[in-house]
C-alpha cells in the first residue's frame, strides 16, 4: 500500500513562513520525481515545485520562485515545501505527488496525497 500524507498547513499571516511536509509510506519512491501542486477555490490545480530523486534538479512555478524551496529527506522518506514571504494568493490546498519522470503536468503524477490547507491572511 502506497500513501502520501501532507501536513503543516494552517493559518498564516502574509509575509510569514510556513513549512509543509509530505510523508510517504509503503515505499520509498526510489527514482521518482516528487512535486507540489496547489488548488485554490474555483481555480484549476497548478504546479508549484518539483524535485528529482537525487535532489539535483528542482523547478518552480514563476509565482513562487525565490520564495518557496522544495527539498526531500530520503532517510525520512519525506518531502518538504518551505514557504517564505507568503502572499494572499498562496492560499490554496497544497498536494504532494510522485511521478516516474520530471514533469510540471499534474497528469504525469501517479500518486497523490490528500492535501493540506494553507490560508494566508492579511
PDB file of N, CA and C in Angstrom:
ATOM      1  N   UNK A   1       0.839  -1.178   0.000  1.00  0.00           N
ATOM      2  CA  UNK A   1       0.000   0.000   0.000  1.00  0.00           C
ATOM      3  C   UNK A   1       0.884   1.241   0.000  1.00  0.00           C
ATOM      4  N   UNK A   2       0.550   2.184  -0.873  1.00  0.00           N
ATOM      5  CA  UNK A   2       1.301   3.419  -1.012  1.00  0.00           C
ATOM      6  C   UNK A   2       0.436   4.571  -0.532  1.00  0.00           C
ATOM      7  N   UNK A   3       1.039   5.439   0.254  1.00  0.00           N
ATOM      8  CA  UNK A   3       0.298   6.571   0.777  1.00  0.00           C
ATOM      9  C   UNK A   3       1.205   7.789   0.917  1.00  0.00           C
ATOM     10  N   UNK A   4       0.678   8.945   0.543  1.00  0.00           N
ATOM     11  CA  UNK A   4       1.330  10.223   0.750  1.00  0.00           C
ATOM     12  C   UNK A   4       0.432  11.062   1.645  1.00  0.00           C
ATOM     13  N   UNK A   5       1.002  11.596   2.707  1.00  0.00           N
ATOM     14  CA  UNK A   5       0.228  12.365   3.664  1.00  0.00           C
ATOM     15  C   UNK A   5       0.885  13.714   3.896  1.00  0.00           C
ATOM     16  N   UNK A   6       0.171  14.780   3.531  1.00  0.00           N
ATOM     17  CA  UNK A   6       0.671  16.131   3.738  1.00  0.00           C
ATOM     18  C   UNK A   6       0.319  16.615   5.135  1.00  0.00           C
ATOM     19  N   UNK A   7       1.134  17.514   5.637  1.00  0.00           N
ATOM     20  CA  UNK A   7       0.871  18.147   6.916  1.00  0.00           C
ATOM     21  C   UNK A   7       1.579  19.494   6.953  1.00  0.00           C
ATOM     22  N   UNK A   8       1.251  20.295   7.945  1.00  0.00           N
ATOM     23  CA  UNK A   8       1.908  21.572   8.128  1.00  0.00           C
ATOM     24  C   UNK A   8       1.102  22.767   7.681  1.00  0.00           C
ATOM     25  N   UNK A   9      -0.018  22.532   7.040  1.00  0.00           N
ATOM     26  CA  UNK A   9      -0.847  23.632   6.600  1.00  0.00           C
ATOM     27  C   UNK A   9      -1.566  24.280   7.760  1.00  0.00           C
ATOM     28  N   UNK A  10      -2.143  25.432   7.497  1.00  0.00           N
ATOM     29  CA  UNK A  10      -2.868  26.152   8.521  1.00  0.00           C
ATOM     30  C   UNK A  10      -2.995  27.611   8.180  1.00  0.00           C
ATOM     31  N   UNK A  11      -3.313  28.386   9.184  1.00  0.00           N
ATOM     32  CA  UNK A  11      -3.459  29.829   9.024  1.00  0.00           C
ATOM     33  C   UNK A  11      -2.115  30.508   9.224  1.00  0.00           C
ATOM     34  N   UNK A  12      -1.807  31.423   8.340  1.00  0.00           N
ATOM     35  CA  UNK A  12      -0.556  32.155   8.437  1.00  0.00           C
ATOM     36  C   UNK A  12      -0.772  33.570   7.926  1.00  0.00           C
ATOM     37  N   UNK A  13      -0.036  34.496   8.467  1.00  0.00           N
ATOM     38  CA  UNK A  13      -0.160  35.882   8.067  1.00  0.00           C
ATOM     39  C   UNK A  13       0.748  36.189   6.887  1.00  0.00           C
ATOM     40  N   UNK A  14       0.282  37.053   6.010  1.00  0.00           N
ATOM     41  CA  UNK A  14       1.082  37.450   4.861  1.00  0.00           C
ATOM     42  C   UNK A  14       2.456  37.934   5.303  1.00  0.00           C
ATOM     43  N   UNK A  15       3.472  37.462   4.609  1.00  0.00           N
ATOM     44  CA  UNK A  15       4.841  37.814   4.936  1.00  0.00           C
ATOM     45  C   UNK A  15       5.541  36.803   5.816  1.00  0.00           C
ATOM     46  N   UNK A  16       4.790  35.929   6.437  1.00  0.00           N
ATOM     47  CA  UNK A  16       5.365  34.918   7.322  1.00  0.00           C
ATOM     48  C   UNK A  16       5.825  33.693   6.544  1.00  0.00           C
ATOM     49  N   UNK A  17       6.333  32.711   7.279  1.00  0.00           N
ATOM     50  CA  UNK A  17       6.838  31.484   6.685  1.00  0.00           C
ATOM     51  C   UNK A  17       6.058  30.278   7.168  1.00  0.00           C
ATOM     52  N   UNK A  18       6.076  29.241   6.357  1.00  0.00           N
ATOM     53  CA  UNK A  18       5.374  28.004   6.667  1.00  0.00           C
ATOM     54  C   UNK A  18       6.122  26.854   6.003  1.00  0.00           C
ATOM     55  N   UNK A  19       6.147  25.721   6.659  1.00  0.00           N
ATOM     56  CA  UNK A  19       6.806  24.548   6.104  1.00  0.00           C
ATOM     57  C   UNK A  19       5.822  23.397   6.004  1.00  0.00           C
ATOM     58  N   UNK A  20       5.616  22.928   4.796  1.00  0.00           N
ATOM     59  CA  UNK A  20       4.755  21.790   4.561  1.00  0.00           C
ATOM     60  C   UNK A  20       5.581  20.520   4.475  1.00  0.00           C
ATOM     61  N   UNK A  21       5.008  19.427   4.937  1.00  0.00           N
ATOM     62  CA  UNK A  21       5.666  18.130   4.868  1.00  0.00           C
ATOM     63  C   UNK A  21       4.770  17.138   4.151  1.00  0.00           C
ATOM     64  N   UNK A  22       5.391  16.164   3.526  1.00  0.00           N
ATOM     65  CA  UNK A  22       4.671  15.092   2.859  1.00  0.00           C
ATOM     66  C   UNK A  22       5.382  13.793   3.182  1.00  0.00           C
ATOM     67  N   UNK A  23       4.759  12.986   4.010  1.00  0.00           N
ATOM     68  CA  UNK A  23       5.346  11.723   4.418  1.00  0.00           C
ATOM     69  C   UNK A  23       4.854  10.591   3.532  1.00  0.00           C
ATOM     70  N   UNK A  24       5.783   9.801   3.041  1.00  0.00           N
ATOM     71  CA  UNK A  24       5.450   8.668   2.189  1.00  0.00           C
ATOM     72  C   UNK A  24       5.557   7.372   2.972  1.00  0.00           C
ATOM     73  N   UNK A  25       4.617   6.490   2.746  1.00  0.00           N
ATOM     74  CA  UNK A  25       4.642   5.185   3.376  1.00  0.00           C
ATOM     75  C   UNK A  25       4.345   4.112   2.338  1.00  0.00           C
ATOM     76  N   UNK A  26       4.744   2.909   2.650  1.00  0.00           N
ATOM     77  CA  UNK A  26       4.506   1.804   1.740  1.00  0.00           C
ATOM     78  C   UNK A  26       5.631   1.557   0.749  1.00  0.00           C
ATOM     79  N   UNK A  27       6.377   2.594   0.456  1.00  0.00           N
ATOM     80  CA  UNK A  27       7.522   2.514  -0.433  1.00  0.00           C
ATOM     81  C   UNK A  27       8.363   3.770  -0.283  1.00  0.00           C
ATOM     82  N   UNK A  28       9.566   3.735  -0.807  1.00  0.00           N
ATOM     83  CA  UNK A  28      10.477   4.864  -0.698  1.00  0.00           C
ATOM     84  C   UNK A  28      10.418   5.805  -1.897  1.00  0.00           C
ATOM     85  N   UNK A  29       9.695   5.410  -2.924  1.00  0.00           N
ATOM     86  CA  UNK A  29       9.606   6.172  -4.166  1.00  0.00           C
ATOM     87  C   UNK A  29      10.975   6.383  -4.781  1.00  0.00           C
ATOM     88  N   UNK A  30      11.777   5.371  -4.716  1.00  0.00           N
ATOM     89  CA  UNK A  30      13.107   5.425  -5.290  1.00  0.00           C
ATOM     90  C   UNK A  30      13.032   5.716  -6.784  1.00  0.00           C
ATOM     91  N   UNK A  31      13.773   6.741  -7.219  1.00  0.00           N
ATOM     92  CA  UNK A  31      13.806   7.118  -8.615  1.00  0.00           C
ATOM     93  C   UNK A  31      12.684   8.048  -9.050  1.00  0.00           C
ATOM     94  N   UNK A  32      11.745   8.317  -8.172  1.00  0.00           N
ATOM     95  CA  UNK A  32      10.601   9.162  -8.514  1.00  0.00           C
ATOM     96  C   UNK A  32      10.920  10.642  -8.377  1.00  0.00           C
ATOM     97  N   UNK A  33      10.246  11.425  -9.192  1.00  0.00           N
ATOM     98  CA  UNK A  33      10.215  12.862  -9.021  1.00  0.00           C
ATOM     99  C   UNK A  33       9.066  13.204  -8.081  1.00  0.00           C
ATOM    100  N   UNK A  34       9.332  14.057  -7.122  1.00  0.00           N
ATOM    101  CA  UNK A  34       8.307  14.486  -6.188  1.00  0.00           C
ATOM    102  C   UNK A  34       7.925  15.927  -6.482  1.00  0.00           C
ATOM    103  N   UNK A  35       6.640  16.206  -6.412  1.00  0.00           N
ATOM    104  CA  UNK A  35       6.177  17.544  -6.725  1.00  0.00           C
ATOM    105  C   UNK A  35       5.135  18.063  -5.760  1.00  0.00           C
ATOM    106  N   UNK A  36       4.994  19.362  -5.756  1.00  0.00           N
ATOM    107  CA  UNK A  36       3.937  20.038  -5.013  1.00  0.00           C
ATOM    108  C   UNK A  36       3.022  20.751  -6.008  1.00  0.00           C
ATOM    109  N   UNK A  37       1.739  20.591  -5.808  1.00  0.00           N
ATOM    110  CA  UNK A  37       0.725  21.284  -6.575  1.00  0.00           C
ATOM    111  C   UNK A  37      -0.220  21.970  -5.608  1.00  0.00           C
ATOM    112  N   UNK A  38      -0.973  22.925  -6.116  1.00  0.00           N
ATOM    113  CA  UNK A  38      -1.948  23.589  -5.259  1.00  0.00           C
ATOM    114  C   UNK A  38      -3.197  23.919  -6.060  1.00  0.00           C
ATOM    115  N   UNK A  39      -4.292  24.043  -5.344  1.00  0.00           N
ATOM    116  CA  UNK A  39      -5.551  24.373  -5.977  1.00  0.00           C
ATOM    117  C   UNK A  39      -6.331  25.327  -5.083  1.00  0.00           C
ATOM    118  N   UNK A  40      -6.625  26.494  -5.619  1.00  0.00           N
ATOM    119  CA  UNK A  40      -7.424  27.482  -4.927  1.00  0.00           C
ATOM    120  C   UNK A  40      -8.886  27.306  -5.332  1.00  0.00           C
ATOM    121  N   UNK A  41      -9.812  27.753  -4.499  1.00  0.00           N
ATOM    122  CA  UNK A  41     -11.232  27.623  -4.829  1.00  0.00           C
ATOM    123  C   UNK A  41     -11.565  28.249  -6.174  1.00  0.00           C
ATOM    124  N   UNK A  42     -12.260  27.485  -7.010  1.00  0.00           N
ATOM    125  CA  UNK A  42     -12.673  27.981  -8.304  1.00  0.00           C
ATOM    126  C   UNK A  42     -11.587  28.006  -9.353  1.00  0.00           C
ATOM    127  N   UNK A  43     -10.405  27.517  -9.019  1.00  0.00           N
ATOM    128  CA  UNK A  43      -9.299  27.520  -9.958  1.00  0.00           C
ATOM    129  C   UNK A  43      -8.803  26.108 -10.218  1.00  0.00           C
ATOM    130  N   UNK A  44      -8.079  25.959 -11.310  1.00  0.00           N
ATOM    131  CA  UNK A  44      -7.503  24.673 -11.651  1.00  0.00           C
ATOM    132  C   UNK A  44      -6.277  24.388 -10.790  1.00  0.00           C
ATOM    133  N   UNK A  45      -5.996  23.123 -10.641  1.00  0.00           N
ATOM    134  CA  UNK A  45      -4.802  22.733  -9.922  1.00  0.00           C
ATOM    135  C   UNK A  45      -3.566  23.186 -10.694  1.00  0.00           C
ATOM    136  N   UNK A  46      -2.608  23.758 -10.007  1.00  0.00           N
ATOM    137  CA  UNK A  46      -1.433  24.284 -10.668  1.00  0.00           C
ATOM    138  C   UNK A  46      -0.147  23.754 -10.049  1.00  0.00           C
ATOM    139  N   UNK A  47       0.852  23.680 -10.876  1.00  0.00           N
ATOM    140  CA  UNK A  47       2.173  23.240 -10.458  1.00  0.00           C
ATOM    141  C   UNK A  47       2.815  24.279  -9.560  1.00  0.00           C
ATOM    142  N   UNK A  48       3.498  23.808  -8.532  1.00  0.00           N
ATOM    143  CA  UNK A  48       4.210  24.690  -7.618  1.00  0.00           C
ATOM    144  C   UNK A  48       5.713  24.455  -7.691  1.00  0.00           C
ATOM    145  N   UNK A  49       6.126  23.209  -7.479  1.00  0.00           N
ATOM    146  CA  UNK A  49       7.550  22.897  -7.465  1.00  0.00           C
ATOM    147  C   UNK A  49       7.759  21.406  -7.619  1.00  0.00           C
ATOM    148  N   UNK A  50       8.947  21.018  -8.057  1.00  0.00           N
ATOM    149  CA  UNK A  50       9.313  19.614  -8.126  1.00  0.00           C
ATOM    150  C   UNK A  50      10.774  19.424  -7.778  1.00  0.00           C
ATOM    151  N   UNK A  51      11.091  18.202  -7.414  1.00  0.00           N
ATOM    152  CA  UNK A  51      12.472  17.842  -7.134  1.00  0.00           C
ATOM    153  C   UNK A  51      12.694  16.416  -7.608  1.00  0.00           C
ATOM    154  N   UNK A  52      13.817  16.173  -8.268  1.00  0.00           N
ATOM    155  CA  UNK A  52      14.130  14.830  -8.726  1.00  0.00           C
ATOM    156  C   UNK A  52      14.626  13.982  -7.566  1.00  0.00           C
ATOM    157  N   UNK A  53      14.677  12.677  -7.784  1.00  0.00           N
ATOM    158  CA  UNK A  53      15.053  11.754  -6.723  1.00  0.00           C
ATOM    159  C   UNK A  53      16.391  12.101  -6.096  1.00  0.00           C
ATOM    160  N   UNK A  54      17.359  12.436  -6.921  1.00  0.00           N
ATOM    161  CA  UNK A  54      18.682  12.758  -6.411  1.00  0.00           C
ATOM    162  C   UNK A  54      18.710  14.096  -5.689  1.00  0.00           C
ATOM    163  N   UNK A  55      17.725  14.916  -5.941  1.00  0.00           N
ATOM    164  CA  UNK A  55      17.692  16.247  -5.366  1.00  0.00           C
ATOM    165  C   UNK A  55      18.507  17.255  -6.146  1.00  0.00           C
ATOM    166  N   UNK A  56      19.117  16.804  -7.226  1.00  0.00           N
ATOM    167  CA  UNK A  56      19.982  17.667  -8.002  1.00  0.00           C
ATOM    168  C   UNK A  56      19.254  18.653  -8.891  1.00  0.00           C
ATOM    169  N   UNK A  57      18.020  18.346  -9.216  1.00  0.00           N
ATOM    170  CA  UNK A  57      17.234  19.211 -10.085  1.00  0.00           C
ATOM    171  C   UNK A  57      15.945  19.622  -9.406  1.00  0.00           C
ATOM    172  N   UNK A  58      15.664  20.901  -9.457  1.00  0.00           N
ATOM    173  CA  UNK A  58      14.414  21.438  -8.943  1.00  0.00           C
ATOM    174  C   UNK A  58      13.812  22.376  -9.966  1.00  0.00           C
ATOM    175  N   UNK A  59      12.516  22.575  -9.871  1.00  0.00           N
ATOM    176  CA  UNK A  59      11.824  23.510 -10.743  1.00  0.00           C
ATOM    177  C   UNK A  59      10.701  24.160  -9.955  1.00  0.00           C
ATOM    178  N   UNK A  60      10.430  25.419 -10.267  1.00  0.00           N
ATOM    179  CA  UNK A  60       9.419  26.173  -9.544  1.00  0.00           C
ATOM    180  C   UNK A  60       8.530  26.941 -10.499  1.00  0.00           C
ATOM    181  N   UNK A  61       7.296  27.102 -10.099  1.00  0.00           N
ATOM    182  CA  UNK A  61       6.411  27.997 -10.822  1.00  0.00           C
ATOM    183  C   UNK A  61       6.895  29.427 -10.642  1.00  0.00           C
ATOM    184  N   UNK A  62       6.682  30.253 -11.654  1.00  0.00           N
ATOM    185  CA  UNK A  62       7.134  31.638 -11.574  1.00  0.00           C
ATOM    186  C   UNK A  62       6.537  32.370 -10.374  1.00  0.00           C
ATOM    187  N   UNK A  63       5.334  32.009 -10.008  1.00  0.00           N
ATOM    188  CA  UNK A  63       4.640  32.690  -8.933  1.00  0.00           C
ATOM    189  C   UNK A  63       5.266  32.459  -7.562  1.00  0.00           C
ATOM    190  N   UNK A  64       6.054  31.397  -7.424  1.00  0.00           N
ATOM    191  CA  UNK A  64       6.656  31.083  -6.128  1.00  0.00           C
ATOM    192  C   UNK A  64       8.171  31.133  -6.161  1.00  0.00           C
ATOM    193  N   UNK A  65       8.739  31.333  -7.311  1.00  0.00           N
ATOM    194  CA  UNK A  65      10.190  31.340  -7.464  1.00  0.00           C
ATOM    195  C   UNK A  65      10.821  32.412  -6.581  1.00  0.00           C
ATOM    196  N   UNK A  66      11.825  32.008  -5.841  1.00  0.00           N
ATOM    197  CA  UNK A  66      12.503  32.919  -4.944  1.00  0.00           C
ATOM    198  C   UNK A  66      11.896  32.976  -3.560  1.00  0.00           C
ATOM    199  N   UNK A  67      10.713  32.405  -3.392  1.00  0.00           N
ATOM    200  CA  UNK A  67      10.041  32.410  -2.099  1.00  0.00           C
ATOM    201  C   UNK A  67       9.895  31.015  -1.500  1.00  0.00           C
ATOM    202  N   UNK A  68       9.647  30.028  -2.355  1.00  0.00           N
ATOM    203  CA  UNK A  68       9.451  28.657  -1.900  1.00  0.00           C
ATOM    204  C   UNK A  68      10.679  27.815  -2.209  1.00  0.00           C
ATOM    205  N   UNK A  69      10.926  26.828  -1.367  1.00  0.00           N
ATOM    206  CA  UNK A  69      12.016  25.898  -1.587  1.00  0.00           C
ATOM    207  C   UNK A  69      11.529  24.476  -1.361  1.00  0.00           C
ATOM    208  N   UNK A  70      11.749  23.615  -2.342  1.00  0.00           N
ATOM    209  CA  UNK A  70      11.373  22.216  -2.223  1.00  0.00           C
ATOM    210  C   UNK A  70      12.606  21.403  -1.848  1.00  0.00           C
ATOM    211  N   UNK A  71      12.423  20.422  -0.996  1.00  0.00           N
ATOM    212  CA  UNK A  71      13.512  19.552  -0.592  1.00  0.00           C
ATOM    213  C   UNK A  71      12.955  18.197  -0.200  1.00  0.00           C
ATOM    214  N   UNK A  72      13.838  17.233  -0.041  1.00  0.00           N
ATOM    215  CA  UNK A  72      13.407  15.907   0.371  1.00  0.00           C
ATOM    216  C   UNK A  72      14.438  15.279   1.292  1.00  0.00           C
ATOM    217  N   UNK A  73      13.961  14.412   2.146  1.00  0.00           N
ATOM    218  CA  UNK A  73      14.798  13.654   3.053  1.00  0.00           C
ATOM    219  C   UNK A  73      14.580  12.186   2.716  1.00  0.00           C
ATOM    220  N   UNK A  74      15.563  11.570   2.089  1.00  0.00           N
ATOM    221  CA  UNK A  74      15.417  10.193   1.646  1.00  0.00           C
ATOM    222  C   UNK A  74      15.336   9.216   2.812  1.00  0.00           C
ATOM    223  N   UNK A  75      16.043   9.529   3.881  1.00  0.00           N
ATOM    224  CA  UNK A  75      16.016   8.659   5.051  1.00  0.00           C
ATOM    225  C   UNK A  75      14.641   8.679   5.701  1.00  0.00           C
ATOM    226  N   UNK A  76      14.094   9.861   5.853  1.00  0.00           N
ATOM    227  CA  UNK A  76      12.772  10.020   6.450  1.00  0.00           C
ATOM    228  C   UNK A  76      11.656   9.738   5.456  1.00  0.00           C
ATOM    229  N   UNK A  77      12.022   9.623   4.177  1.00  0.00           N
ATOM    230  CA  UNK A  77      11.038   9.408   3.124  1.00  0.00           C
ATOM    231  C   UNK A  77       9.977  10.510   3.150  1.00  0.00           C
ATOM    232  N   UNK A  78      10.459  11.728   3.247  1.00  0.00           N
ATOM    233  CA  UNK A  78       9.588  12.881   3.409  1.00  0.00           C
ATOM    234  C   UNK A  78       9.957  13.998   2.444  1.00  0.00           C
ATOM    235  N   UNK A  79       8.959  14.622   1.891  1.00  0.00           N
ATOM    236  CA  UNK A  79       9.100  15.769   1.006  1.00  0.00           C
ATOM    237  C   UNK A  79       8.704  17.028   1.766  1.00  0.00           C
ATOM    238  N   UNK A  80       9.380  18.135   1.484  1.00  0.00           N
ATOM    239  CA  UNK A  80       9.096  19.385   2.173  1.00  0.00           C
ATOM    240  C   UNK A  80       8.881  20.523   1.183  1.00  0.00           C
ATOM    241  N   UNK A  81       8.128  21.495   1.624  1.00  0.00           N
ATOM    242  CA  UNK A  81       7.991  22.747   0.893  1.00  0.00           C
ATOM    243  C   UNK A  81       8.118  23.877   1.900  1.00  0.00           C
ATOM    244  N   UNK A  82       9.225  24.583   1.835  1.00  0.00           N
ATOM    245  CA  UNK A  82       9.434  25.734   2.687  1.00  0.00           C
ATOM    246  C   UNK A  82       8.847  26.946   1.987  1.00  0.00           C
ATOM    247  N   UNK A  83       7.884  27.568   2.619  1.00  0.00           N
ATOM    248  CA  UNK A  83       7.186  28.703   2.051  1.00  0.00           C
ATOM    249  C   UNK A  83       7.555  29.957   2.829  1.00  0.00           C
ATOM    250  N   UNK A  84       8.247  30.862   2.182  1.00  0.00           N
ATOM    251  CA  UNK A  84       8.640  32.117   2.801  1.00  0.00           C
ATOM    252  C   UNK A  84       7.916  33.279   2.138  1.00  0.00           C
ATOM    253  N   UNK A  85       7.783  34.358   2.888  1.00  0.00           N
ATOM    254  CA  UNK A  85       7.134  35.567   2.376  1.00  0.00           C
ATOM    255  C   UNK A  85       5.814  35.251   1.698  1.00  0.00           C
ATOM    256  N   UNK A  86       4.984  34.511   2.383  1.00  0.00           N
ATOM    257  CA  UNK A  86       3.725  34.073   1.786  1.00  0.00           C
ATOM    258  C   UNK A  86       2.830  35.270   1.478  1.00  0.00           C
ATOM    259  N   UNK A  87       2.036  35.106   0.435  1.00  0.00           N
ATOM    260  CA  UNK A  87       1.118  36.124  -0.023  1.00  0.00           C
ATOM    261  C   UNK A  87      -0.311  35.603   0.038  1.00  0.00           C
ATOM    262  N   UNK A  88      -1.253  36.513  -0.038  1.00  0.00           N
ATOM    263  CA  UNK A  88      -2.659  36.128  -0.017  1.00  0.00           C
ATOM    264  C   UNK A  88      -2.967  35.142  -1.136  1.00  0.00           C
ATOM    265  N   UNK A  89      -2.356  35.334  -2.284  1.00  0.00           N
ATOM    266  CA  UNK A  89      -2.614  34.475  -3.424  1.00  0.00           C
ATOM    267  C   UNK A  89      -2.028  33.073  -3.285  1.00  0.00           C
ATOM    268  N   UNK A  90      -1.273  32.838  -2.213  1.00  0.00           N
ATOM    269  CA  UNK A  90      -0.770  31.497  -1.941  1.00  0.00           C
ATOM    270  C   UNK A  90      -1.826  30.621  -1.273  1.00  0.00           C
ATOM    271  N   UNK A  91      -2.920  31.207  -0.883  1.00  0.00           N
ATOM    272  CA  UNK A  91      -3.992  30.451  -0.252  1.00  0.00           C
ATOM    273  C   UNK A  91      -4.513  29.378  -1.193  1.00  0.00           C
ATOM    274  N   UNK A  92      -4.469  28.131  -0.743  1.00  0.00           N
ATOM    275  CA  UNK A  92      -4.889  27.005  -1.571  1.00  0.00           C
ATOM    276  C   UNK A  92      -4.748  25.721  -0.772  1.00  0.00           C
ATOM    277  N   UNK A  93      -5.278  24.649  -1.326  1.00  0.00           N
ATOM    278  CA  UNK A  93      -4.982  23.320  -0.820  1.00  0.00           C
ATOM    279  C   UNK A  93      -3.720  22.851  -1.526  1.00  0.00           C
ATOM    280  N   UNK A  94      -2.750  22.438  -0.762  1.00  0.00           N
ATOM    281  CA  UNK A  94      -1.475  22.004  -1.314  1.00  0.00           C
ATOM    282  C   UNK A  94      -1.385  20.484  -1.300  1.00  0.00           C
ATOM    283  N   UNK A  95      -0.995  19.918  -2.433  1.00  0.00           N
ATOM    284  CA  UNK A  95      -0.886  18.483  -2.595  1.00  0.00           C
ATOM    285  C   UNK A  95       0.543  18.090  -2.938  1.00  0.00           C
ATOM    286  N   UNK A  96       0.999  17.001  -2.378  1.00  0.00           N
ATOM    287  CA  UNK A  96       2.247  16.417  -2.829  1.00  0.00           C
ATOM    288  C   UNK A  96       1.927  15.242  -3.737  1.00  0.00           C
ATOM    289  N   UNK A  97       2.845  14.941  -4.633  1.00  0.00           N
ATOM    290  CA  UNK A  97       2.611  13.890  -5.607  1.00  0.00           C
ATOM    291  C   UNK A  97       3.931  13.304  -6.080  1.00  0.00           C
ATOM    292  N   UNK A  98       3.852  12.108  -6.648  1.00  0.00           N
ATOM    293  CA  UNK A  98       5.032  11.413  -7.146  1.00  0.00           C
ATOM    294  C   UNK A  98       4.835  11.017  -8.597  1.00  0.00           C
ATOM    295  N   UNK A  99       5.861  11.238  -9.400  1.00  0.00           N
ATOM    296  CA  UNK A  99       5.847  10.898 -10.816  1.00  0.00           C
ATOM    297  C   UNK A  99       7.071  10.071 -11.176  1.00  0.00           C
ATOM    298  N   UNK A 100       6.961   9.307 -12.228  1.00  0.00           N
ATOM    299  CA  UNK A 100       8.066   8.457 -12.645  1.00  0.00           C
ATOM    300  C   UNK A 100       9.128   9.215 -13.425  1.00  0.00           C
ATOM    301  N   UNK A 101       8.803  10.414 -13.847  1.00  0.00           N
ATOM    302  CA  UNK A 101       9.752  11.259 -14.564  1.00  0.00           C
ATOM    303  C   UNK A 101       9.431  12.717 -14.278  1.00  0.00           C
ATOM    304  N   UNK A 102      10.423  13.604 -14.337  1.00  0.00           N
ATOM    305  CA  UNK A 102      10.175  15.024 -14.061  1.00  0.00           C
ATOM    306  C   UNK A 102       9.130  15.612 -14.987  1.00  0.00           C
ATOM    307  N   UNK A 103       8.185  16.326 -14.399  1.00  0.00           N
ATOM    308  CA  UNK A 103       7.116  16.938 -15.169  1.00  0.00           C
ATOM    309  C   UNK A 103       6.426  17.997 -14.331  1.00  0.00           C
ATOM    310  N   UNK A 104       5.949  19.047 -14.997  1.00  0.00           N
ATOM    311  CA  UNK A 104       5.154  20.074 -14.333  1.00  0.00           C
ATOM    312  C   UNK A 104       3.664  19.841 -14.543  1.00  0.00           C
ATOM    313  N   UNK A 105       3.329  18.767 -15.241  1.00  0.00           N
ATOM    314  CA  UNK A 105       1.938  18.438 -15.519  1.00  0.00           C
ATOM    315  C   UNK A 105       1.392  17.509 -14.451  1.00  0.00           C
ATOM    316  N   UNK A 106       0.253  17.870 -13.890  1.00  0.00           N
ATOM    317  CA  UNK A 106      -0.317  17.053 -12.827  1.00  0.00           C
ATOM    318  C   UNK A 106      -0.694  15.660 -13.305  1.00  0.00           C
ATOM    319  N   UNK A 107      -1.026  15.533 -14.580  1.00  0.00           N
ATOM    320  CA  UNK A 107      -1.428  14.238 -15.118  1.00  0.00           C
ATOM    321  C   UNK A 107      -0.270  13.266 -15.196  1.00  0.00           C
ATOM    322  N   UNK A 108       0.946  13.750 -15.038  1.00  0.00           N
ATOM    323  CA  UNK A 108       2.117  12.886 -15.065  1.00  0.00           C
ATOM    324  C   UNK A 108       2.384  12.230 -13.719  1.00  0.00           C
ATOM    325  N   UNK A 109       1.670  12.653 -12.702  1.00  0.00           N
ATOM    326  CA  UNK A 109       1.902  12.154 -11.359  1.00  0.00           C
ATOM    327  C   UNK A 109       0.948  11.015 -11.017  1.00  0.00           C
ATOM    328  N   UNK A 110       1.511   9.950 -10.495  1.00  0.00           N
ATOM    329  CA  UNK A 110       0.771   8.717 -10.254  1.00  0.00           C
ATOM    330  C   UNK A 110       0.191   8.615  -8.852  1.00  0.00           C
ATOM    331  N   UNK A 111       0.846   9.219  -7.893  1.00  0.00           N
ATOM    332  CA  UNK A 111       0.430   9.124  -6.506  1.00  0.00           C
ATOM    333  C   UNK A 111       0.227  10.510  -5.927  1.00  0.00           C
ATOM    334  N   UNK A 112      -0.829  10.655  -5.160  1.00  0.00           N
ATOM    335  CA  UNK A 112      -1.210  11.948  -4.597  1.00  0.00           C
ATOM    336  C   UNK A 112      -1.584  11.839  -3.132  1.00  0.00           C
ATOM    337  N   UNK A 113      -1.272  12.882  -2.400  1.00  0.00           N
ATOM    338  CA  UNK A 113      -1.717  12.982  -1.030  1.00  0.00           C
ATOM    339  C   UNK A 113      -3.112  13.567  -0.965  1.00  0.00           C
ATOM    340  N   UNK A 114      -3.635  13.677   0.234  1.00  0.00           N
ATOM    341  CA  UNK A 114      -4.997  14.171   0.426  1.00  0.00           C
ATOM    342  C   UNK A 114      -5.083  15.688   0.429  1.00  0.00           C
ATOM    343  N   UNK A 115      -3.954  16.348   0.559  1.00  0.00           N
ATOM    344  CA  UNK A 115      -3.912  17.792   0.547  1.00  0.00           C
ATOM    345  C   UNK A 115      -3.913  18.390   1.944  1.00  0.00           C
ATOM    346  N   UNK A 116      -3.313  19.558   2.063  1.00  0.00           N
ATOM    347  CA  UNK A 116      -3.324  20.305   3.307  1.00  0.00           C
ATOM    348  C   UNK A 116      -3.630  21.765   2.994  1.00  0.00           C
ATOM    349  N   UNK A 117      -4.525  22.339   3.767  1.00  0.00           N
ATOM    350  CA  UNK A 117      -4.998  23.695   3.503  1.00  0.00           C
ATOM    351  C   UNK A 117      -4.019  24.729   4.037  1.00  0.00           C
ATOM    352  N   UNK A 118      -3.680  25.675   3.187  1.00  0.00           N
ATOM    353  CA  UNK A 118      -2.883  26.826   3.589  1.00  0.00           C
ATOM    354  C   UNK A 118      -3.727  28.069   3.357  1.00  0.00           C
ATOM    355  N   UNK A 119      -3.946  28.815   4.407  1.00  0.00           N
ATOM    356  CA  UNK A 119      -4.723  30.036   4.309  1.00  0.00           C
ATOM    357  C   UNK A 119      -3.877  31.208   4.782  1.00  0.00           C
ATOM    358  N   UNK A 120      -3.696  32.167   3.898  1.00  0.00           N
ATOM    359  CA  UNK A 120      -2.885  33.342   4.198  1.00  0.00           C
ATOM    360  C   UNK A 120      -3.808  34.524   4.441  1.00  0.00           C
ATOM    361  N   UNK A 121      -3.622  35.171   5.555  1.00  0.00           N
ATOM    362  CA  UNK A 121      -4.434  36.322   5.911  1.00  0.00           C
ATOM    363  C   UNK A 121      -3.577  37.575   5.909  1.00  0.00           C
ATOM    364  N   UNK A 122      -4.235  38.714   5.788  1.00  0.00           N
ATOM    365  CA  UNK A 122      -3.539  39.992   5.804  1.00  0.00           C
ATOM    366  C   UNK A 122      -3.514  40.590   7.191  1.00  0.00           C
TER     367      UNK A 122
END
